[in-house]
Amino acid sequence: MDLSAFKTNHPGSGSPQYHPRLMLSLLIYCDTHGIFSSRRIERTTYRDLGARFITANTHPDHDTIYSFRRQNPHVSG
């Protein structure tokens, strides 16, 4: 899949960016499991083994998840 159309998040705290493939995979995984809230998705990265695998045991916060969705409206509706 060509990911060049996806915008990446621009963290202000100096934290490294999350790759669009990671964010897209996480959103698809959570959507298929009925998890839509950014806060619940963040919580899932701590509790769910599949989400932890997708994110390589990193934990994007809910603001980052929300920003990715807002910058890429074609990701989820």
Protein backbone atom coordinates (compact mmCIF):
# COMPACT_ATOMS: atom_id res chain seq x y z
CA MET A 1 0.00 0.00 0.00
CA ASP A 2 1.32 3.43 -0.92
CA LEU A 3 1.51 5.50 2.26
CA SER A 4 2.84 8.68 0.67
CA ALA A 5 -0.60 10.34 0.93
CA PHE A 6 -0.67 9.98 4.72
CA LYS A 7 0.47 12.88 6.85
CA THR A 8 2.57 12.13 9.91
CA ASN A 9 2.11 13.61 13.33
CA HIS A 10 4.40 16.44 14.38
CA PRO A 11 5.09 16.06 18.08
CA GLY A 12 5.99 19.23 19.94
CA SER A 13 7.75 17.53 22.83
CA GLY A 14 10.65 16.18 20.80
CA SER A 15 9.33 12.61 20.89
CA PRO A 16 9.94 10.54 17.77
CA GLN A 17 7.15 10.32 15.22
CA TYR A 18 5.11 7.20 14.74
CA HIS A 19 5.27 5.74 11.26
CA PRO A 20 2.02 6.07 9.29
CA ARG A 21 2.02 2.29 8.73
CA LEU A 22 1.99 1.74 12.50
CA MET A 23 -0.81 4.24 13.07
CA LEU A 24 -2.88 2.93 10.18
CA SER A 25 -2.42 -0.69 11.30
CA LEU A 26 -3.41 0.22 14.85
CA LEU A 27 -6.55 2.04 13.68
CA ILE A 28 -7.58 -0.81 11.40
CA TYR A 29 -6.98 -3.36 14.16
CA CYS A 30 -9.00 -1.36 16.68
CA ASP A 31 -11.80 -0.62 14.21
CA THR A 32 -12.20 -4.34 13.49
CA HIS A 33 -12.43 -4.98 17.24
CA GLY A 34 -15.03 -2.26 17.79
CA ILE A 35 -12.69 0.19 19.51
CA PHE A 36 -13.19 3.70 18.13
CA SER A 37 -12.36 6.15 20.91
CA SER A 38 -8.81 7.55 20.86
CA ARG A 39 -8.56 7.09 24.63
CA ARG A 40 -9.70 3.46 24.38
CA ILE A 41 -7.23 2.85 21.55
CA GLU A 42 -4.42 4.22 23.73
CA ARG A 43 -5.54 1.95 26.58
CA THR A 44 -5.63 -0.99 24.18
CA THR A 45 -1.93 -0.56 23.38
CA TYR A 46 -1.22 -1.41 27.02
CA ARG A 47 -3.72 -4.25 27.47
CA ASP A 48 -4.18 -6.07 24.17
CA LEU A 49 -1.46 -8.38 22.91
CA GLY A 50 -2.36 -7.80 19.24
CA ALA A 51 -2.20 -4.02 19.62
CA ARG A 52 1.09 -4.30 21.49
CA PHE A 53 2.50 -6.39 18.65
CA ILE A 54 1.33 -3.89 16.01
CA THR A 55 2.82 -0.93 17.89
CA ALA A 56 6.05 -2.78 18.77
CA ASN A 57 5.22 -2.25 22.45
CA THR A 58 5.05 1.53 22.06
CA HIS A 59 2.04 3.48 23.22
CA PRO A 60 0.84 6.42 21.10
CA ASP A 61 -1.20 8.70 23.33
CA HIS A 62 -4.78 9.64 22.55
CA ASP A 63 -3.79 13.11 21.28
CA THR A 64 -1.43 11.55 18.74
CA ILE A 65 -4.10 9.10 17.60
CA TYR A 66 -6.67 11.90 17.31
CA SER A 67 -4.23 14.12 15.40
CA PHE A 68 -3.44 11.32 12.94
CA ARG A 69 -7.15 10.82 12.31
CA ARG A 70 -7.77 14.55 11.91
CA GLN A 71 -4.85 14.98 9.48
CA ASN A 72 -5.94 11.92 7.49
CA PRO A 73 -9.75 12.04 7.29
CA HIS A 74 -9.81 9.21 4.73
CA VAL A 75 -8.54 6.77 7.40
CA SER A 76 -11.73 6.40 9.41
CA GLY A 77 -15.08 8.05 9.39
